PDB file of N, CA and C in Angstrom:
ATOM      1  N   MET A   1     -17.957  -7.418 -34.343  1.00  0.00           N
ATOM      2  CA  MET A   1     -17.766  -6.400 -33.334  1.00  0.00           C
ATOM      3  C   MET A   1     -16.325  -5.903 -33.409  1.00  0.00           C
ATOM      4  N   PRO A   2     -16.075  -4.752 -34.009  1.00  0.00           N
ATOM      5  CA  PRO A   2     -14.718  -4.224 -34.101  1.00  0.00           C
ATOM      6  C   PRO A   2     -14.252  -3.725 -32.741  1.00  0.00           C
ATOM      7  N   GLY A   3     -12.971  -3.730 -32.560  1.00  0.00           N
ATOM      8  CA  GLY A   3     -12.399  -3.239 -31.315  1.00  0.00           C
ATOM      9  C   GLY A   3     -11.008  -3.801 -31.108  1.00  0.00           C
ATOM     10  N   ARG A   4     -10.469  -3.481 -29.954  1.00  0.00           N
ATOM     11  CA  ARG A   4      -9.123  -3.952 -29.621  1.00  0.00           C
ATOM     12  C   ARG A   4      -9.180  -4.769 -28.342  1.00  0.00           C
ATOM     13  N   LEU A   5      -8.391  -5.809 -28.324  1.00  0.00           N
ATOM     14  CA  LEU A   5      -8.294  -6.705 -27.190  1.00  0.00           C
ATOM     15  C   LEU A   5      -6.850  -6.729 -26.727  1.00  0.00           C
ATOM     16  N   ALA A   6      -6.649  -6.646 -25.429  1.00  0.00           N
ATOM     17  CA  ALA A   6      -5.298  -6.731 -24.875  1.00  0.00           C
ATOM     18  C   ALA A   6      -5.263  -7.872 -23.871  1.00  0.00           C
ATOM     19  N   ILE A   7      -4.187  -8.644 -23.897  1.00  0.00           N
ATOM     20  CA  ILE A   7      -4.007  -9.732 -22.948  1.00  0.00           C
ATOM     21  C   ILE A   7      -2.634  -9.573 -22.314  1.00  0.00           C
ATOM     22  N   ASP A   8      -2.623  -9.467 -20.991  1.00  0.00           N
ATOM     23  CA  ASP A   8      -1.370  -9.373 -20.233  1.00  0.00           C
ATOM     24  C   ASP A   8      -1.134 -10.735 -19.599  1.00  0.00           C
ATOM     25  N   PHE A   9      -0.224 -11.512 -20.196  1.00  0.00           N
ATOM     26  CA  PHE A   9       0.114 -12.819 -19.653  1.00  0.00           C
ATOM     27  C   PHE A   9       1.131 -12.631 -18.540  1.00  0.00           C
ATOM     28  N   GLY A  10       0.681 -12.750 -17.314  1.00  0.00           N
ATOM     29  CA  GLY A  10       1.574 -12.599 -16.182  1.00  0.00           C
ATOM     30  C   GLY A  10       2.049 -13.947 -15.671  1.00  0.00           C
ATOM     31  N   THR A  11       3.049 -13.912 -14.832  1.00  0.00           N
ATOM     32  CA  THR A  11       3.580 -15.135 -14.242  1.00  0.00           C
ATOM     33  C   THR A  11       2.550 -15.816 -13.360  1.00  0.00           C
ATOM     34  N   SER A  12       1.828 -15.045 -12.567  1.00  0.00           N
ATOM     35  CA  SER A  12       0.824 -15.595 -11.653  1.00  0.00           C
ATOM     36  C   SER A  12      -0.595 -15.429 -12.164  1.00  0.00           C
ATOM     37  N   ASN A  13      -0.879 -14.298 -12.790  1.00  0.00           N
ATOM     38  CA  ASN A  13      -2.228 -13.995 -13.266  1.00  0.00           C
ATOM     39  C   ASN A  13      -2.188 -13.407 -14.664  1.00  0.00           C
ATOM     40  N   THR A  14      -3.299 -13.565 -15.364  1.00  0.00           N
ATOM     41  CA  THR A  14      -3.475 -13.007 -16.690  1.00  0.00           C
ATOM     42  C   THR A  14      -4.688 -12.079 -16.655  1.00  0.00           C
ATOM     43  N   VAL A  15      -4.592 -10.942 -17.333  1.00  0.00           N
ATOM     44  CA  VAL A  15      -5.699  -9.988 -17.392  1.00  0.00           C
ATOM     45  C   VAL A  15      -6.056  -9.761 -18.854  1.00  0.00           C
ATOM     46  N   VAL A  16      -7.360  -9.794 -19.138  1.00  0.00           N
ATOM     47  CA  VAL A  16      -7.878  -9.517 -20.480  1.00  0.00           C
ATOM     48  C   VAL A  16      -8.609  -8.177 -20.406  1.00  0.00           C
ATOM     49  N   ALA A  17      -8.364  -7.304 -21.373  1.00  0.00           N
ATOM     50  CA  ALA A  17      -9.021  -5.994 -21.390  1.00  0.00           C
ATOM     51  C   ALA A  17      -9.490  -5.661 -22.801  1.00  0.00           C
ATOM     52  N   LEU A  18     -10.563  -4.899 -22.864  1.00  0.00           N
ATOM     53  CA  LEU A  18     -11.091  -4.383 -24.124  1.00  0.00           C
ATOM     54  C   LEU A  18     -10.872  -2.880 -24.146  1.00  0.00           C
ATOM     55  N   TRP A  19     -10.510  -2.326 -25.289  1.00  0.00           N
ATOM     56  CA  TRP A  19     -10.276  -0.894 -25.412  1.00  0.00           C
ATOM     57  C   TRP A  19     -11.592  -0.154 -25.563  1.00  0.00           C
ATOM     58  N   SER A  20     -11.794   0.869 -24.734  1.00  0.00           N
ATOM     59  CA  SER A  20     -12.979   1.709 -24.824  1.00  0.00           C
ATOM     60  C   SER A  20     -12.611   3.001 -25.536  1.00  0.00           C
ATOM     61  N   GLU A  21     -13.163   3.193 -26.734  1.00  0.00           N
ATOM     62  CA  GLU A  21     -12.913   4.432 -27.476  1.00  0.00           C
ATOM     63  C   GLU A  21     -13.479   5.628 -26.710  1.00  0.00           C
ATOM     64  N   THR A  22     -14.614   5.441 -26.068  1.00  0.00           N
ATOM     65  CA  THR A  22     -15.255   6.527 -25.327  1.00  0.00           C
ATOM     66  C   THR A  22     -14.402   6.999 -24.165  1.00  0.00           C
ATOM     67  N   GLN A  23     -13.895   6.043 -23.377  1.00  0.00           N
ATOM     68  CA  GLN A  23     -13.109   6.387 -22.183  1.00  0.00           C
ATOM     69  C   GLN A  23     -11.619   6.498 -22.479  1.00  0.00           C
ATOM     70  N   GLN A  24     -11.215   6.076 -23.671  1.00  0.00           N
ATOM     71  CA  GLN A  24      -9.806   6.094 -24.070  1.00  0.00           C
ATOM     72  C   GLN A  24      -8.920   5.341 -23.078  1.00  0.00           C
ATOM     73  N   MET A  25      -9.391   4.139 -22.717  1.00  0.00           N
ATOM     74  CA  MET A  25      -8.621   3.304 -21.803  1.00  0.00           C
ATOM     75  C   MET A  25      -9.065   1.851 -21.936  1.00  0.00           C
ATOM     76  N   GLY A  26      -8.239   0.949 -21.416  1.00  0.00           N
ATOM     77  CA  GLY A  26      -8.582  -0.465 -21.399  1.00  0.00           C
ATOM     78  C   GLY A  26      -9.518  -0.772 -20.240  1.00  0.00           C
ATOM     79  N   ILE A  27     -10.540  -1.551 -20.506  1.00  0.00           N
ATOM     80  CA  ILE A  27     -11.503  -1.953 -19.488  1.00  0.00           C
ATOM     81  C   ILE A  27     -11.328  -3.458 -19.260  1.00  0.00           C
ATOM     82  N   PRO A  28     -10.968  -3.870 -18.023  1.00  0.00           N
ATOM     83  CA  PRO A  28     -10.812  -5.306 -17.766  1.00  0.00           C
ATOM     84  C   PRO A  28     -12.087  -6.074 -18.126  1.00  0.00           C
ATOM     85  N   PHE A  29     -11.909  -7.209 -18.758  1.00  0.00           N
ATOM     86  CA  PHE A  29     -13.005  -8.040 -19.238  1.00  0.00           C
ATOM     87  C   PHE A  29     -13.056  -9.306 -18.395  1.00  0.00           C
ATOM     88  N   HIS A  30     -14.229  -9.610 -17.839  1.00  0.00           N
ATOM     89  CA  HIS A  30     -14.377 -10.782 -16.974  1.00  0.00           C
ATOM     90  C   HIS A  30     -14.838 -11.990 -17.785  1.00  0.00           C
ATOM     91  N   ILE A  31     -14.125 -13.092 -17.630  1.00  0.00           N
ATOM     92  CA  ILE A  31     -14.502 -14.359 -18.251  1.00  0.00           C
ATOM     93  C   ILE A  31     -14.873 -15.299 -17.103  1.00  0.00           C
ATOM     94  N   PRO A  32     -16.184 -15.449 -16.834  1.00  0.00           N
ATOM     95  CA  PRO A  32     -16.656 -16.120 -15.621  1.00  0.00           C
ATOM     96  C   PRO A  32     -16.066 -17.505 -15.329  1.00  0.00           C
ATOM     97  N   ASP A  33     -15.957 -18.369 -16.317  1.00  0.00           N
ATOM     98  CA  ASP A  33     -15.476 -19.723 -16.038  1.00  0.00           C
ATOM     99  C   ASP A  33     -13.997 -19.780 -15.671  1.00  0.00           C
ATOM    100  N   TYR A  34     -13.238 -18.793 -16.097  1.00  0.00           N
ATOM    101  CA  TYR A  34     -11.790 -18.852 -15.916  1.00  0.00           C
ATOM    102  C   TYR A  34     -11.246 -17.856 -14.906  1.00  0.00           C
ATOM    103  N   GLY A  35     -11.934 -16.755 -14.684  1.00  0.00           N
ATOM    104  CA  GLY A  35     -11.401 -15.699 -13.832  1.00  0.00           C
ATOM    105  C   GLY A  35     -12.197 -15.462 -12.573  1.00  0.00           C
ATOM    106  N   SER A  36     -11.617 -14.661 -11.707  1.00  0.00           N
ATOM    107  CA  SER A  36     -12.291 -14.212 -10.489  1.00  0.00           C
ATOM    108  C   SER A  36     -11.902 -12.749 -10.276  1.00  0.00           C
ATOM    109  N   PHE A  37     -12.612 -12.095  -9.395  1.00  0.00           N
ATOM    110  CA  PHE A  37     -12.364 -10.671  -9.176  1.00  0.00           C
ATOM    111  C   PHE A  37     -11.333 -10.444  -8.080  1.00  0.00           C
ATOM    112  N   TYR A  38     -10.493  -9.439  -8.291  1.00  0.00           N
ATOM    113  CA  TYR A  38      -9.460  -9.013  -7.364  1.00  0.00           C
ATOM    114  C   TYR A  38      -9.715  -7.544  -7.074  1.00  0.00           C
ATOM    115  N   GLN A  39      -9.758  -7.182  -5.806  1.00  0.00           N
ATOM    116  CA  GLN A  39      -9.991  -5.795  -5.422  1.00  0.00           C
ATOM    117  C   GLN A  39      -8.657  -5.042  -5.404  1.00  0.00           C
ATOM    118  N   HIS A  40      -8.574  -3.970  -6.176  1.00  0.00           N
ATOM    119  CA  HIS A  40      -7.384  -3.115  -6.210  1.00  0.00           C
ATOM    120  C   HIS A  40      -7.841  -1.686  -5.977  1.00  0.00           C
ATOM    121  N   ASN A  41      -7.505  -1.150  -4.800  1.00  0.00           N
ATOM    122  CA  ASN A  41      -8.015   0.151  -4.361  1.00  0.00           C
ATOM    123  C   ASN A  41      -9.543   0.127  -4.416  1.00  0.00           C
ATOM    124  N   HIS A  42     -10.167   0.969  -5.217  1.00  0.00           N
ATOM    125  CA  HIS A  42     -11.633   1.003  -5.310  1.00  0.00           C
ATOM    126  C   HIS A  42     -12.147   0.318  -6.568  1.00  0.00           C
ATOM    127  N   GLU A  43     -11.283  -0.445  -7.221  1.00  0.00           N
ATOM    128  CA  GLU A  43     -11.649  -1.051  -8.495  1.00  0.00           C
ATOM    129  C   GLU A  43     -11.580  -2.577  -8.402  1.00  0.00           C
ATOM    130  N   LYS A  44     -12.593  -3.249  -8.947  1.00  0.00           N
ATOM    131  CA  LYS A  44     -12.570  -4.703  -9.057  1.00  0.00           C
ATOM    132  C   LYS A  44     -12.002  -5.051 -10.422  1.00  0.00           C
ATOM    133  N   ILE A  45     -10.980  -5.894 -10.431  1.00  0.00           N
ATOM    134  CA  ILE A  45     -10.349  -6.308 -11.672  1.00  0.00           C
ATOM    135  C   ILE A  45     -10.491  -7.824 -11.799  1.00  0.00           C
ATOM    136  N   SER A  46     -10.875  -8.279 -12.971  1.00  0.00           N
ATOM    137  CA  SER A  46     -10.977  -9.709 -13.217  1.00  0.00           C
ATOM    138  C   SER A  46      -9.606 -10.248 -13.597  1.00  0.00           C
ATOM    139  N   VAL A  47      -9.148 -11.225 -12.843  1.00  0.00           N
ATOM    140  CA  VAL A  47      -7.861 -11.858 -13.134  1.00  0.00           C
ATOM    141  C   VAL A  47      -8.088 -13.346 -13.376  1.00  0.00           C
ATOM    142  N   ILE A  48      -7.286 -13.899 -14.255  1.00  0.00           N
ATOM    143  CA  ILE A  48      -7.324 -15.322 -14.557  1.00  0.00           C
ATOM    144  C   ILE A  48      -6.000 -15.907 -14.076  1.00  0.00           C
ATOM    145  N   PRO A  49      -6.034 -16.850 -13.137  1.00  0.00           N
ATOM    146  CA  PRO A  49      -4.777 -17.472 -12.725  1.00  0.00           C
ATOM    147  C   PRO A  49      -4.066 -18.061 -13.947  1.00  0.00           C
ATOM    148  N   SER A  50      -2.784 -17.823 -14.065  1.00  0.00           N
ATOM    149  CA  SER A  50      -2.006 -18.308 -15.215  1.00  0.00           C
ATOM    150  C   SER A  50      -1.676 -19.784 -15.013  1.00  0.00           C
ATOM    151  N   GLN A  51      -2.704 -20.624 -15.161  1.00  0.00           N
ATOM    152  CA  GLN A  51      -2.558 -22.060 -14.943  1.00  0.00           C
ATOM    153  C   GLN A  51      -3.309 -22.833 -16.019  1.00  0.00           C
ATOM    154  N   ILE A  52      -2.713 -23.931 -16.452  1.00  0.00           N
ATOM    155  CA  ILE A  52      -3.369 -24.871 -17.361  1.00  0.00           C
ATOM    156  C   ILE A  52      -3.091 -26.269 -16.821  1.00  0.00           C
ATOM    157  N   HIS A  53      -4.128 -27.080 -16.768  1.00  0.00           N
ATOM    158  CA  HIS A  53      -3.955 -28.477 -16.347  1.00  0.00           C
ATOM    159  C   HIS A  53      -4.426 -29.367 -17.486  1.00  0.00           C
ATOM    160  N   TYR A  54      -3.555 -30.267 -17.925  1.00  0.00           N
ATOM    161  CA  TYR A  54      -3.886 -31.226 -18.971  1.00  0.00           C
ATOM    162  C   TYR A  54      -4.197 -32.559 -18.300  1.00  0.00           C
ATOM    163  N   ALA A  55      -5.447 -33.008 -18.386  1.00  0.00           N
ATOM    164  CA  ALA A  55      -5.859 -34.263 -17.762  1.00  0.00           C
ATOM    165  C   ALA A  55      -5.509 -35.432 -18.672  1.00  0.00           C
ATOM    166  N   SER A  56      -5.395 -36.609 -18.081  1.00  0.00           N
ATOM    167  CA  SER A  56      -5.037 -37.806 -18.852  1.00  0.00           C
ATOM    168  C   SER A  56      -6.126 -38.177 -19.865  1.00  0.00           C
ATOM    169  N   ASP A  57      -7.365 -37.729 -19.632  1.00  0.00           N
ATOM    170  CA  ASP A  57      -8.454 -38.026 -20.563  1.00  0.00           C
ATOM    171  C   ASP A  57      -8.609 -36.945 -21.640  1.00  0.00           C
ATOM    172  N   ARG A  58      -7.577 -36.118 -21.807  1.00  0.00           N
ATOM    173  CA  ARG A  58      -7.471 -35.087 -22.838  1.00  0.00           C
ATOM    174  C   ARG A  58      -8.267 -33.813 -22.551  1.00  0.00           C
ATOM    175  N   ARG A  59      -8.895 -33.722 -21.360  1.00  0.00           N
ATOM    176  CA  ARG A  59      -9.566 -32.469 -20.988  1.00  0.00           C
ATOM    177  C   ARG A  59      -8.512 -31.462 -20.560  1.00  0.00           C
ATOM    178  N   ARG A  60      -8.872 -30.196 -20.702  1.00  0.00           N
ATOM    179  CA  ARG A  60      -7.988 -29.107 -20.274  1.00  0.00           C
ATOM    180  C   ARG A  60      -8.746 -28.221 -19.305  1.00  0.00           C
ATOM    181  N   TRP A  61      -8.100 -27.875 -18.222  1.00  0.00           N
ATOM    182  CA  TRP A  61      -8.664 -26.959 -17.238  1.00  0.00           C
ATOM    183  C   TRP A  61      -7.829 -25.696 -17.290  1.00  0.00           C
ATOM    184  N   LEU A  62      -8.488 -24.536 -17.331  1.00  0.00           N
ATOM    185  CA  LEU A  62      -7.796 -23.260 -17.466  1.00  0.00           C
ATOM    186  C   LEU A  62      -8.115 -22.338 -16.297  1.00  0.00           C
ATOM    187  N   GLY A  63      -7.125 -21.556 -15.887  1.00  0.00           N
ATOM    188  CA  GLY A  63      -7.326 -20.499 -14.908  1.00  0.00           C
ATOM    189  C   GLY A  63      -7.972 -20.953 -13.621  1.00  0.00           C
ATOM    190  N   ASN A  64      -9.077 -20.316 -13.271  1.00  0.00           N
ATOM    191  CA  ASN A  64      -9.775 -20.578 -12.026  1.00  0.00           C
ATOM    192  C   ASN A  64     -10.308 -22.019 -11.957  1.00  0.00           C
ATOM    193  N   GLN A  65     -10.550 -22.642 -13.089  1.00  0.00           N
ATOM    194  CA  GLN A  65     -11.017 -24.028 -13.108  1.00  0.00           C
ATOM    195  C   GLN A  65      -9.999 -24.959 -12.440  1.00  0.00           C
ATOM    196  N   VAL A  66      -8.718 -24.676 -12.624  1.00  0.00           N
ATOM    197  CA  VAL A  66      -7.663 -25.497 -12.020  1.00  0.00           C
ATOM    198  C   VAL A  66      -7.792 -25.465 -10.501  1.00  0.00           C
ATOM    199  N   GLU A  67      -8.012 -24.275  -9.945  1.00  0.00           N
ATOM    200  CA  GLU A  67      -8.152 -24.145  -8.496  1.00  0.00           C
ATOM    201  C   GLU A  67      -9.469 -24.749  -8.013  1.00  0.00           C
ATOM    202  N   GLN A  68     -10.556 -24.539  -8.748  1.00  0.00           N
ATOM    203  CA  GLN A  68     -11.856 -25.085  -8.340  1.00  0.00           C
ATOM    204  C   GLN A  68     -11.854 -26.617  -8.338  1.00  0.00           C
ATOM    205  N   GLN A  69     -11.101 -27.220  -9.222  1.00  0.00           N
ATOM    206  CA  GLN A  69     -11.002 -28.684  -9.289  1.00  0.00           C
ATOM    207  C   GLN A  69      -9.900 -29.227  -8.377  1.00  0.00           C
ATOM    208  N   ASN A  70      -9.234 -28.321  -7.635  1.00  0.00           N
ATOM    209  CA  ASN A  70      -8.140 -28.690  -6.722  1.00  0.00           C
ATOM    210  C   ASN A  70      -7.032 -29.448  -7.453  1.00  0.00           C
ATOM    211  N   LEU A  71      -6.614 -28.910  -8.597  1.00  0.00           N
ATOM    212  CA  LEU A  71      -5.616 -29.557  -9.424  1.00  0.00           C
ATOM    213  C   LEU A  71      -4.239 -28.896  -9.354  1.00  0.00           C
ATOM    214  N   THR A  72      -4.048 -27.977  -8.426  1.00  0.00           N
ATOM    215  CA  THR A  72      -2.788 -27.237  -8.369  1.00  0.00           C
ATOM    216  C   THR A  72      -1.628 -28.098  -7.909  1.00  0.00           C
ATOM    217  N   LYS A  73      -1.878 -29.194  -7.235  1.00  0.00           N
ATOM    218  CA  LYS A  73      -0.795 -30.040  -6.720  1.00  0.00           C
ATOM    219  C   LYS A  73      -0.616 -31.319  -7.518  1.00  0.00           C
ATOM    220  N   SER A  74      -1.470 -31.552  -8.517  1.00  0.00           N
ATOM    221  CA  SER A  74      -1.369 -32.817  -9.259  1.00  0.00           C
ATOM    222  C   SER A  74      -0.591 -32.668 -10.534  1.00  0.00           C
TER     223      SER A  74
END
């Protein structure tokens, strides 16, 4: 699948977008396990919290998984 992918690594949130040749603009891409939707004006944008948690058993939790597992304070 040819195309362009853009990733904006923010301090608090990360946004992934795919380039639409038809619309000539980036379209936010939702990754269900890691992101959640944020309402901005009349548009829903998928954001991924810029968080990674490394567990002692070598598992890694990314983005929204960190918050769902209540790992932000550990």
